[in-house]
N, C-alpha and C. Protein backbone atom coordinates (compact mmCIF):
# COMPACT_ATOMS: atom_id res chain seq x y z
N MET A 1 58.35 208.02 53.70
CA MET A 1 57.21 207.32 52.94
C MET A 1 56.44 206.91 54.26
N SER A 2 54.94 206.99 53.90
CA SER A 2 53.91 206.88 54.75
C SER A 2 53.08 205.28 54.09
N ASN A 3 53.31 204.07 54.99
CA ASN A 3 52.43 202.91 54.54
C ASN A 3 51.74 202.79 55.59
N VAL A 4 50.46 202.34 55.74
CA VAL A 4 49.87 201.41 57.41
C VAL A 4 50.38 200.37 57.77
N PHE A 5 51.12 199.82 56.75
CA PHE A 5 51.93 198.06 57.22
C PHE A 5 52.75 198.37 57.81
N LEU A 6 53.78 199.29 57.21
CA LEU A 6 54.98 199.48 57.64
C LEU A 6 55.38 200.50 58.94
N ASP A 7 53.80 201.40 59.11
CA ASP A 7 54.02 201.78 60.28
C ASP A 7 53.79 200.81 61.09
N LEU A 8 53.10 199.89 61.21
CA LEU A 8 52.86 199.14 62.28
C LEU A 8 53.92 198.25 62.70
N ILE A 9 54.88 197.72 61.44
CA ILE A 9 55.96 196.60 61.98
C ILE A 9 57.06 197.77 62.43
N HIS A 10 56.81 199.04 62.03
CA HIS A 10 58.06 199.77 62.34
C HIS A 10 57.91 199.84 64.31
N LYS A 11 56.51 200.21 64.67
CA LYS A 11 56.33 200.29 66.04
C LYS A 11 56.58 198.59 66.83
N ARG A 12 56.83 197.95 66.11
CA ARG A 12 57.04 196.32 66.91
C ARG A 12 58.28 196.64 67.42
N ARG A 13 58.36 196.13 68.38
CA ARG A 13 59.69 196.19 69.11
C ARG A 13 60.07 195.07 70.09
N THR A 14 60.97 194.68 70.38
CA THR A 14 61.27 193.81 71.37
C THR A 14 61.10 194.30 72.88
N ILE A 15 60.32 193.92 73.69
CA ILE A 15 59.95 194.77 74.92
C ILE A 15 59.88 193.38 75.82
N TYR A 16 60.90 193.61 76.66
CA TYR A 16 61.47 193.28 77.82
C TYR A 16 60.48 193.09 79.44
N ALA A 17 60.27 194.39 79.58
CA ALA A 17 59.46 195.55 80.60
C ALA A 17 58.03 195.01 80.36
N ILE A 18 57.47 193.95 80.39
CA ILE A 18 56.09 193.45 80.66
C ILE A 18 54.95 193.57 81.87
N GLY A 19 53.78 193.71 81.74
CA GLY A 19 52.95 193.62 82.74
C GLY A 19 51.97 193.04 82.42
N ARG A 20 50.75 193.04 83.17
CA ARG A 20 49.27 192.52 83.09
C ARG A 20 48.29 193.76 83.09
N HIS A 21 48.91 194.55 83.24
CA HIS A 21 48.06 195.74 82.78
C HIS A 21 47.17 196.01 81.35
N VAL A 22 46.52 194.26 80.86
CA VAL A 22 45.91 194.55 79.83
C VAL A 22 44.80 194.42 79.75
N ASN A 23 43.76 195.59 78.76
CA ASN A 23 42.35 195.53 78.83
C ASN A 23 41.51 194.35 77.90
N HIS A 24 42.33 193.40 77.14
CA HIS A 24 42.08 192.43 76.37
C HIS A 24 41.53 191.37 77.23
N SER A 25 40.67 190.40 77.23
CA SER A 25 40.49 189.45 77.63
C SER A 25 41.43 188.48 76.81
N PRO A 26 41.51 187.18 77.82
CA PRO A 26 42.13 185.99 77.59
C PRO A 26 41.35 185.46 75.95
N GLU A 27 39.83 185.58 75.76
CA GLU A 27 39.35 185.22 74.77
C GLU A 27 39.64 186.20 73.37
N TYR A 28 39.83 187.17 73.75
CA TYR A 28 39.98 188.21 72.50
C TYR A 28 41.01 187.88 72.04
N LEU A 29 42.20 188.05 72.92
CA LEU A 29 43.66 187.62 72.50
C LEU A 29 43.63 186.45 71.92
N SER A 30 43.40 185.34 72.29
CA SER A 30 43.38 184.06 71.99
C SER A 30 42.67 184.07 70.35
N ASP A 31 41.76 184.68 70.24
CA ASP A 31 41.45 184.78 68.45
C ASP A 31 41.90 185.56 67.84
N LEU A 32 42.69 186.92 68.46
CA LEU A 32 43.61 187.72 67.41
C LEU A 32 44.73 186.76 67.17
N ILE A 33 45.56 185.84 68.38
CA ILE A 33 46.59 185.06 68.08
C ILE A 33 46.39 184.25 66.85
N GLN A 34 45.25 183.75 66.71
CA GLN A 34 44.61 182.53 66.01
C GLN A 34 44.40 182.86 64.55
N GLN A 35 43.85 184.10 64.76
CA GLN A 35 43.67 184.34 63.23
C GLN A 35 44.77 184.96 62.56
N ALA A 36 45.94 185.66 63.62
CA ALA A 36 47.48 185.92 62.91
C ALA A 36 48.07 185.08 62.20
N ILE A 37 47.98 183.40 62.88
CA ILE A 37 48.74 182.20 62.57
C ILE A 37 47.99 181.50 61.41
N LYS A 38 46.47 181.65 61.44
CA LYS A 38 45.53 181.09 60.31
C LYS A 38 45.81 182.03 59.06
N GLN A 39 46.06 183.06 59.28
CA GLN A 39 46.10 184.09 57.92
C GLN A 39 47.89 184.35 57.52
N SER A 40 48.75 183.66 58.04
CA SER A 40 50.05 183.64 57.64
C SER A 40 50.39 182.71 56.55
N PRO A 41 51.10 182.84 55.65
CA PRO A 41 51.35 182.05 54.64
C PRO A 41 52.24 181.00 54.84
N SER A 42 51.78 179.78 54.25
CA SER A 42 53.07 178.58 54.26
C SER A 42 53.21 178.04 52.67
N SER A 43 54.73 177.47 52.92
CA SER A 43 54.59 176.65 51.43
C SER A 43 53.71 175.74 50.96
N PHE A 44 53.53 175.75 49.99
CA PHE A 44 52.06 175.06 49.29
C PHE A 44 50.75 174.94 50.25
N ASN A 45 50.73 175.75 50.75
CA ASN A 45 49.55 176.34 51.71
C ASN A 45 49.73 175.10 52.69
N SER A 46 50.41 174.43 53.38
CA SER A 46 50.84 173.54 54.30
C SER A 46 50.00 173.67 55.60
N GLN A 47 50.22 174.70 55.96
CA GLN A 47 49.76 175.27 57.28
C GLN A 47 50.21 174.54 58.40
N SER A 48 51.53 174.26 58.20
CA SER A 48 52.12 173.53 59.79
C SER A 48 52.36 174.06 60.69
N SER A 49 51.84 175.12 60.53
CA SER A 49 52.39 176.16 62.36
C SER A 49 51.10 175.55 62.96
N ARG A 50 52.07 175.49 64.57
CA ARG A 50 50.38 175.04 65.51
C ARG A 50 50.88 176.05 66.68
N ALA A 51 49.88 176.19 67.39
CA ALA A 51 50.31 176.88 68.72
C ALA A 51 50.08 176.92 69.99
N VAL A 52 50.19 176.92 71.25
CA VAL A 52 49.62 176.49 72.31
C VAL A 52 49.44 177.88 72.83
N ILE A 53 48.53 178.46 73.22
CA ILE A 53 48.64 179.65 74.01
C ILE A 53 48.09 179.59 75.49
N LEU A 54 49.33 180.22 76.69
CA LEU A 54 48.80 180.08 77.70
C LEU A 54 48.56 181.59 78.41
N PHE A 55 47.66 181.52 79.37
CA PHE A 55 47.26 182.56 80.23
C PHE A 55 47.14 182.17 81.54
N ASN A 56 47.50 183.32 82.89
CA ASN A 56 47.26 183.04 83.89
C ASN A 56 48.26 181.74 84.54
N ALA A 57 48.01 180.89 85.32
CA ALA A 57 48.79 179.97 85.77
C ALA A 57 49.63 179.30 84.74
N GLU A 58 48.67 178.77 84.05
CA GLU A 58 49.51 178.29 82.77
C GLU A 58 50.67 179.12 82.24
N HIS A 59 50.42 180.03 81.83
CA HIS A 59 51.62 181.25 81.62
C HIS A 59 52.78 180.66 82.68
N GLU A 60 52.12 180.85 83.96
CA GLU A 60 53.46 180.65 84.99
C GLU A 60 54.29 179.86 85.09
N LYS A 61 53.54 178.71 84.70
CA LYS A 61 54.09 177.37 85.05
C LYS A 61 54.98 176.91 83.88
N PHE A 62 54.55 177.47 82.43
CA PHE A 62 55.64 177.37 81.61
C PHE A 62 57.33 177.64 81.80
N TRP A 63 57.39 179.14 82.53
CA TRP A 63 58.09 179.64 82.81
C TRP A 63 58.67 179.30 84.27
N ASN A 64 58.08 178.64 84.88
CA ASN A 64 58.95 178.01 86.02
C ASN A 64 59.33 176.72 85.53
N PHE A 65 58.69 176.34 84.24
CA PHE A 65 59.51 175.10 83.98
C PHE A 65 60.97 175.35 83.38
N VAL A 66 60.85 176.36 82.70
CA VAL A 66 62.20 176.83 81.95
C VAL A 66 63.10 177.25 83.08
N LYS A 67 62.74 178.19 84.47
CA LYS A 67 63.64 178.39 85.17
C LYS A 67 64.17 177.11 85.67
N ALA A 68 63.48 176.66 86.22
CA ALA A 68 64.12 174.99 86.82
C ALA A 68 65.08 174.77 86.10
N GLN A 69 64.97 174.53 84.80
CA GLN A 69 65.91 173.57 83.99
C GLN A 69 67.08 174.43 84.12
N LEU A 70 66.97 175.90 83.71
CA LEU A 70 68.24 176.59 83.78
C LEU A 70 68.94 176.55 84.87
N LYS A 71 68.07 176.63 85.83
CA LYS A 71 68.92 176.51 87.35
C LYS A 71 70.18 175.40 87.26
N THR A 72 69.98 174.22 86.79
CA THR A 72 71.23 173.26 86.32
C THR A 72 72.24 173.74 85.52
N TYR A 73 71.92 175.13 84.67
CA TYR A 73 73.09 175.08 83.78
C TYR A 73 74.10 176.12 84.78
N ALA A 74 73.46 176.89 85.70
CA ALA A 74 73.89 178.15 86.26
C ALA A 74 75.36 177.37 86.84
N LYS A 75 76.38 178.59 86.62
CA LYS A 75 77.54 178.10 87.04
C LYS A 75 78.02 178.66 88.66
N ASP A 76 77.79 179.72 88.86
CA ASP A 76 77.62 180.22 90.26
C ASP A 76 76.32 180.75 90.63
N GLU A 77 76.12 181.02 91.86
CA GLU A 77 75.09 182.00 92.50
C GLU A 77 74.43 183.12 91.71
N ALA A 78 75.70 183.94 91.47
CA ALA A 78 75.43 184.99 90.55
C ALA A 78 74.69 184.72 89.34
N SER A 79 74.91 184.23 88.40
CA SER A 79 74.74 183.79 87.14
C SER A 79 72.60 183.23 87.47
N ALA A 80 72.97 182.27 88.49
CA ALA A 80 71.46 181.75 88.79
C ALA A 80 70.37 182.59 89.11
N LEU A 81 71.06 183.86 89.59
CA LEU A 81 69.99 185.05 90.56
C LEU A 81 69.57 185.99 89.11
N LYS A 82 70.80 186.17 88.17
CA LYS A 82 70.18 186.87 86.85
C LYS A 82 69.31 186.14 85.98
N THR A 83 69.43 184.45 85.77
CA THR A 83 68.50 184.08 85.42
C THR A 83 67.33 183.39 85.75
N GLU A 84 67.19 183.64 87.18
CA GLU A 84 66.15 183.69 87.78
C GLU A 84 65.19 185.00 87.72
N ALA A 85 65.90 186.30 87.92
CA ALA A 85 65.38 187.80 87.67
C ALA A 85 65.04 187.48 86.15
N LYS A 86 65.49 186.90 84.93
CA LYS A 86 64.83 187.32 83.91
C LYS A 86 63.65 186.33 83.55
N MET A 87 63.35 185.28 84.33
CA MET A 87 62.39 184.41 83.86
C MET A 87 61.46 184.99 84.84
N ASP A 88 61.75 185.46 85.81
CA ASP A 88 60.57 186.46 86.73
C ASP A 88 59.99 187.42 85.68
N SER A 89 60.88 188.23 84.79
CA SER A 89 60.33 189.26 84.13
C SER A 89 59.67 188.63 83.03
N PHE A 90 59.45 187.42 82.62
CA PHE A 90 58.65 186.80 81.46
C PHE A 90 57.49 186.39 82.45
N ILE A 91 57.42 185.99 83.54
CA ILE A 91 56.37 185.36 84.47
C ILE A 91 55.13 186.94 84.72
N ALA A 92 55.92 187.91 84.67
CA ALA A 92 55.16 189.23 85.14
C ALA A 92 54.35 189.44 83.97
N GLY A 93 54.48 188.93 82.98
CA GLY A 93 53.65 189.00 81.80
C GLY A 93 52.39 188.65 81.61
N PHE A 94 51.42 188.54 80.68
CA PHE A 94 50.17 188.14 80.60
C PHE A 94 49.81 186.91 80.26
N GLY A 95 50.62 186.40 79.23
CA GLY A 95 50.35 185.48 78.70
C GLY A 95 51.69 184.68 77.61
N THR A 96 51.65 183.74 77.01
CA THR A 96 52.66 183.17 76.15
C THR A 96 52.19 182.45 75.10
N VAL A 97 52.96 182.73 73.73
CA VAL A 97 52.13 181.57 72.67
C VAL A 97 53.62 180.81 72.84
N LEU A 98 53.28 179.61 72.51
CA LEU A 98 54.20 178.56 72.06
C LEU A 98 54.02 178.34 71.03
N PHE A 99 54.97 178.12 70.17
CA PHE A 99 55.05 177.80 68.44
C PHE A 99 55.53 176.88 68.11
N PHE A 100 54.83 176.01 67.52
CA PHE A 100 55.25 174.56 67.21
C PHE A 100 55.23 174.46 65.45
N GLU A 101 56.07 173.68 64.80
CA GLU A 101 55.70 173.05 63.49
C GLU A 101 55.48 171.74 63.67
N ASP A 102 54.25 171.04 62.72
CA ASP A 102 54.04 169.64 62.71
C ASP A 102 54.79 168.98 61.82
N GLN A 103 55.74 168.22 62.40
CA GLN A 103 56.54 167.20 61.65
C GLN A 103 55.84 166.48 60.38
N ASP A 104 54.68 165.97 61.11
CA ASP A 104 53.83 164.79 60.01
C ASP A 104 53.47 165.60 58.51
N VAL A 105 53.13 167.03 58.82
CA VAL A 105 52.96 167.67 57.71
C VAL A 105 54.24 167.87 56.61
N VAL A 106 55.20 168.00 57.24
CA VAL A 106 56.59 167.82 56.17
C VAL A 106 57.04 167.01 56.16
N LYS A 107 56.56 165.69 56.78
CA LYS A 107 56.72 164.61 56.16
C LYS A 107 56.06 164.05 55.13
N ASP A 108 55.02 164.19 55.13
CA ASP A 108 53.86 164.11 53.92
C ASP A 108 54.02 164.78 52.80
N LEU A 109 54.58 165.97 52.82
CA LEU A 109 54.88 166.81 51.77
C LEU A 109 56.30 166.33 51.21
N GLN A 110 57.34 166.04 51.76
CA GLN A 110 58.32 165.39 51.62
C GLN A 110 58.21 164.20 50.09
N ALA A 111 57.06 163.34 51.24
CA ALA A 111 56.91 162.03 50.20
C ALA A 111 56.15 162.06 49.22
N GLN A 112 55.38 163.13 49.21
CA GLN A 112 54.50 163.66 47.73
C GLN A 112 55.37 164.30 46.84
N PHE A 113 56.39 165.08 47.38
CA PHE A 113 57.36 165.77 46.17
C PHE A 113 58.83 165.74 46.57
N PRO A 114 59.16 164.50 46.19
CA PRO A 114 60.25 163.95 46.51
C PRO A 114 61.44 165.09 45.60
N SER A 115 61.27 165.96 44.93
CA SER A 115 62.26 166.44 44.57
C SER A 115 62.17 167.49 45.33
N TYR A 116 62.01 168.06 46.38
CA TYR A 116 61.72 169.19 46.95
C TYR A 116 61.94 168.83 48.43
N ALA A 117 62.20 167.45 48.52
CA ALA A 117 61.89 166.92 50.16
C ALA A 117 62.93 167.34 50.78
N ASP A 118 64.73 168.10 50.69
CA ASP A 118 65.32 168.91 51.35
C ASP A 118 64.86 170.52 51.69
N ASN A 119 63.94 170.55 51.03
CA ASN A 119 63.55 171.75 51.11
C ASN A 119 62.34 172.25 52.03
N PHE A 120 61.67 171.18 52.41
CA PHE A 120 60.70 171.57 53.20
C PHE A 120 60.92 171.85 54.74
N PRO A 121 61.79 171.30 55.35
CA PRO A 121 62.21 171.56 56.35
C PRO A 121 62.43 173.08 56.66
N VAL A 122 63.12 173.43 55.61
CA VAL A 122 63.47 175.02 55.82
C VAL A 122 62.07 175.50 55.41
N TRP A 123 61.40 175.57 54.57
CA TRP A 123 60.30 176.04 54.02
C TRP A 123 59.28 176.20 55.72
N ALA A 124 59.24 175.09 56.14
CA ALA A 124 58.57 175.17 57.71
C ALA A 124 58.93 176.09 58.83
N GLU A 125 60.56 176.31 58.70
CA GLU A 125 61.42 177.50 59.33
C GLU A 125 60.64 178.79 59.02
N HIS A 126 60.52 178.66 57.99
CA HIS A 126 60.17 180.13 57.36
C HIS A 126 58.86 180.26 57.96
N SER A 127 57.87 179.10 57.34
CA SER A 127 56.18 179.70 57.98
C SER A 127 56.39 179.78 59.64
N THR A 128 56.95 179.35 60.13
CA THR A 128 56.64 179.72 61.88
C THR A 128 57.15 180.82 61.80
N ALA A 129 58.06 181.37 60.96
CA ALA A 129 58.63 182.45 61.34
C ALA A 129 57.46 183.86 61.18
N ILE A 130 57.17 183.37 59.76
CA ILE A 130 56.26 184.39 59.69
C ILE A 130 55.09 184.52 60.36
N ALA A 131 54.44 183.32 60.74
CA ALA A 131 53.50 183.32 62.05
C ALA A 131 53.77 183.97 63.40
N GLN A 132 55.09 183.60 63.71
CA GLN A 132 55.43 184.71 65.17
C GLN A 132 55.48 185.96 64.45
N PHE A 133 56.37 186.41 63.68
CA PHE A 133 55.91 187.91 63.12
C PHE A 133 54.85 188.65 63.33
N ALA A 134 53.89 187.72 62.39
CA ALA A 134 52.56 188.20 62.18
C ALA A 134 51.78 188.32 63.68
N THR A 135 51.83 187.24 64.50
CA THR A 135 51.33 187.37 65.85
C THR A 135 52.07 188.67 66.74
N TRP A 136 53.29 188.56 66.70
CA TRP A 136 53.79 189.62 67.52
C TRP A 136 53.16 191.19 66.95
N ALA A 137 53.00 191.02 65.59
CA ALA A 137 52.79 192.38 65.34
C ALA A 137 51.03 192.97 65.31
N ALA A 138 50.64 191.52 65.20
CA ALA A 138 49.14 191.72 65.37
C ALA A 138 48.87 192.02 67.17
N LEU A 139 49.54 191.60 67.95
CA LEU A 139 49.55 192.09 69.51
C LEU A 139 49.98 193.24 69.59
N ASN A 140 51.17 193.77 69.21
CA ASN A 140 51.55 194.77 69.16
C ASN A 140 50.44 196.42 68.31
N SER A 141 49.92 195.83 67.66
CA SER A 141 49.08 196.83 67.30
C SER A 141 47.76 197.06 67.99
N ASP A 142 47.34 195.95 69.15
CA ASP A 142 46.46 195.98 70.10
C ASP A 142 47.17 197.07 71.33
N GLY A 143 48.31 197.20 71.40
CA GLY A 143 49.20 197.94 72.78
C GLY A 143 49.69 196.90 73.52
N LEU A 144 50.20 195.81 72.94
CA LEU A 144 50.72 194.79 73.38
C LEU A 144 52.24 194.89 73.53
N GLY A 145 53.17 194.67 74.56
CA GLY A 145 54.81 194.42 73.88
C GLY A 145 55.08 192.94 74.12
N ALA A 146 55.83 192.41 73.80
CA ALA A 146 56.19 190.94 73.67
C ALA A 146 58.05 190.80 73.17
N SER A 147 58.29 189.71 73.49
CA SER A 147 59.77 189.13 73.25
C SER A 147 59.78 187.90 72.48
N LEU A 148 60.36 187.36 71.45
CA LEU A 148 60.48 186.08 71.18
C LEU A 148 61.64 185.62 71.81
N GLN A 149 61.51 184.40 72.48
CA GLN A 149 62.19 183.41 73.46
C GLN A 149 62.51 182.03 72.63
N HIS A 150 63.41 181.36 72.74
CA HIS A 150 64.00 180.15 72.53
C HIS A 150 64.71 179.35 73.23
N TYR A 151 63.45 178.67 74.08
CA TYR A 151 63.85 177.99 75.33
C TYR A 151 64.01 176.41 74.53
N ASN A 152 64.05 175.99 73.57
CA ASN A 152 63.24 174.57 73.28
C ASN A 152 65.10 174.46 73.09
N PRO A 153 65.42 173.20 72.98
CA PRO A 153 64.71 172.05 73.32
C PRO A 153 64.73 171.50 74.83
N ILE A 154 64.86 172.65 75.90
CA ILE A 154 65.26 172.16 77.51
C ILE A 154 64.17 171.66 78.08
N VAL A 155 63.00 172.49 77.61
CA VAL A 155 61.60 172.12 78.13
C VAL A 155 60.45 171.55 77.50
N ASP A 156 61.05 170.64 76.41
CA ASP A 156 60.26 170.02 75.25
C ASP A 156 59.46 169.04 75.67
N GLU A 157 60.32 168.22 76.72
CA GLU A 157 59.58 167.16 76.93
C GLU A 157 58.86 167.57 78.19
N GLN A 158 58.61 168.13 78.82
CA GLN A 158 57.63 168.81 80.01
C GLN A 158 56.56 169.39 79.24
N VAL A 159 56.94 170.31 77.96
CA VAL A 159 55.86 170.95 77.34
C VAL A 159 55.19 169.89 77.04
N HIS A 160 55.45 168.86 76.39
CA HIS A 160 54.48 167.78 75.67
C HIS A 160 54.19 166.96 76.92
N ALA A 161 54.42 167.05 77.66
CA ALA A 161 53.57 166.10 78.83
C ALA A 161 52.50 166.91 79.44
N GLU A 162 52.89 168.07 79.85
CA GLU A 162 52.13 168.86 80.64
C GLU A 162 50.62 169.25 79.80
N TRP A 163 51.15 169.51 78.51
CA TRP A 163 49.95 170.04 77.77
C TRP A 163 49.27 169.20 76.82
N ASP A 164 49.71 168.11 77.01
CA ASP A 164 49.26 166.63 76.01
C ASP A 164 49.57 167.20 74.53
N ILE A 165 50.60 167.62 74.48
CA ILE A 165 51.35 168.25 72.89
C ILE A 165 51.51 166.83 72.07
N PRO A 166 50.76 166.83 71.05
CA PRO A 166 51.42 165.44 70.03
C PRO A 166 52.49 165.64 69.83
N LYS A 167 53.03 164.34 69.51
CA LYS A 167 55.12 164.18 69.34
C LYS A 167 54.54 164.85 68.25
N ASN A 168 54.42 164.92 67.24
CA ASN A 168 54.86 165.27 66.19
C ASN A 168 54.80 166.86 65.84
N TRP A 169 54.44 167.73 66.80
CA TRP A 169 54.41 168.73 66.91
C TRP A 169 55.88 169.42 67.80
N LYS A 170 56.91 170.05 66.80
CA LYS A 170 57.96 170.68 67.35
C LYS A 170 58.10 171.89 67.81
N LEU A 171 58.56 171.73 68.96
CA LEU A 171 58.54 173.49 69.56
C LEU A 171 59.66 174.11 68.79
N ARG A 172 58.89 175.34 68.72
CA ARG A 172 60.02 176.80 67.81
C ARG A 172 60.60 177.44 68.57
N ALA A 173 59.17 178.22 69.12
CA ALA A 173 59.42 179.65 69.59
C ALA A 173 58.46 179.94 70.65
N GLN A 174 59.04 180.64 71.50
CA GLN A 174 57.94 181.19 72.80
C GLN A 174 57.86 182.51 72.72
N LEU A 175 56.50 183.36 72.33
CA LEU A 175 56.65 184.37 72.44
C LEU A 175 55.55 184.92 73.50
N VAL A 176 56.31 185.77 74.44
CA VAL A 176 56.06 186.06 76.07
C VAL A 176 55.37 187.73 75.83
N PHE A 177 54.17 187.64 75.97
CA PHE A 177 53.32 189.31 75.84
C PHE A 177 52.62 189.68 77.32
N GLY A 178 52.66 191.02 77.29
CA GLY A 178 51.59 191.80 78.11
C GLY A 178 51.85 193.26 78.29
N SER A 179 51.36 193.97 78.86
CA SER A 179 51.22 195.51 78.63
C SER A 179 52.84 196.00 79.05
N ILE A 180 53.16 197.40 78.34
CA ILE A 180 53.89 197.93 77.96
C ILE A 180 54.50 198.58 79.30
N GLU A 181 55.78 198.12 79.89
CA GLU A 181 55.80 198.59 81.34
C GLU A 181 56.84 199.85 80.94
N ALA A 182 57.57 199.75 80.15
CA ALA A 182 58.68 200.54 79.67
C ALA A 182 59.38 200.16 78.38
N ASP A 183 59.61 201.42 77.71
CA ASP A 183 59.71 201.54 76.31
C ASP A 183 60.85 200.48 75.89
N ALA A 184 61.10 200.29 74.28
CA ALA A 184 62.38 199.71 74.02
C ALA A 184 63.11 200.58 73.72
N SER A 185 64.80 200.41 73.80
CA SER A 185 65.71 201.62 73.85
C SER A 185 65.43 201.75 71.87
N GLU A 186 66.19 202.84 71.71
CA GLU A 186 66.23 202.78 70.26
C GLU A 186 66.79 202.35 69.63
N LYS A 187 66.35 201.74 68.31
CA LYS A 187 66.65 200.73 67.42
C LYS A 187 67.76 201.82 66.40
N THR A 188 69.05 200.94 66.10
CA THR A 188 70.18 201.34 65.07
C THR A 188 69.62 200.66 63.78
N TYR A 189 70.30 201.00 62.64
CA TYR A 189 70.12 200.33 61.33
C TYR A 189 71.33 200.32 61.06
N MET A 190 71.95 199.55 60.20
CA MET A 190 73.10 199.42 59.06
C MET A 190 72.85 200.17 58.25
N ASP A 191 73.87 200.76 57.43
CA ASP A 191 73.41 201.49 56.18
C ASP A 191 72.85 200.74 54.86
N ASP A 192 71.80 201.32 54.41
CA ASP A 192 71.13 200.65 53.67
C ASP A 192 71.91 199.93 52.50
N ALA A 193 73.17 200.99 51.94
CA ALA A 193 74.01 200.63 51.09
C ALA A 193 74.61 199.08 51.06
N VAL A 194 74.44 198.57 52.42
CA VAL A 194 75.49 197.44 52.92
C VAL A 194 74.54 196.74 52.87
N ARG A 195 73.33 196.74 52.91
CA ARG A 195 72.06 195.66 52.79
C ARG A 195 71.40 195.47 51.25
N PHE A 196 71.18 196.25 50.73
CA PHE A 196 70.64 196.52 49.82
C PHE A 196 70.83 196.61 48.69
N LYS A 197 70.88 196.05 47.13
CA LYS A 197 71.12 196.39 46.12
C LYS A 197 69.38 196.38 45.20
N VAL A 198 69.72 197.14 44.28
CA VAL A 198 68.49 197.85 43.48
C VAL A 198 69.10 198.05 42.13
N PHE A 199 68.18 197.33 41.26
CA PHE A 199 68.54 197.52 39.59
C PHE A 199 67.62 197.93 39.02
N LYS A 200 67.36 199.07 38.24
CA LYS A 200 66.48 199.46 37.53
C LYS A 200 66.63 199.55 35.84
């Protein structure tokens, strides 16, 4: 099957071996990321997704925050070294997108539409997931590799303090990106018959 969009998302993979051999400027990539999030759908067109885009020393600062926090969880020296190496692999990248969801938007929708109140937090998670995927695919379409990480909430307080993030923004994920320094391993798929049902 040939489809331009499917071809793009088929190429999107989790890339851990990333670097800084990037031909695009931070300005170009910031615009690309913002447009990907802006064009992502959200329930009731709530546009609840928020993002902080970090480059250079700011990008490194975030992963050093995570590294410092994770050291407190390490059980022994070997696990501490393994964790440090993983964080250093993220630091080696070109930038990081911090994805947030604005909880004030969720609360406002709950107040406006009480019959759907229980669903709005769930739908907000859908919104951020779509924004994350769209950003990931957009970066990949320009030849960059990325991996999606979830080190919230262990660094939430530091993130909010360091970059003056509103309290109502809830950190949901971190997309670290850069040049592709090594290809991803081959992806395997479960049998379609297990995953899908089609009725005609």
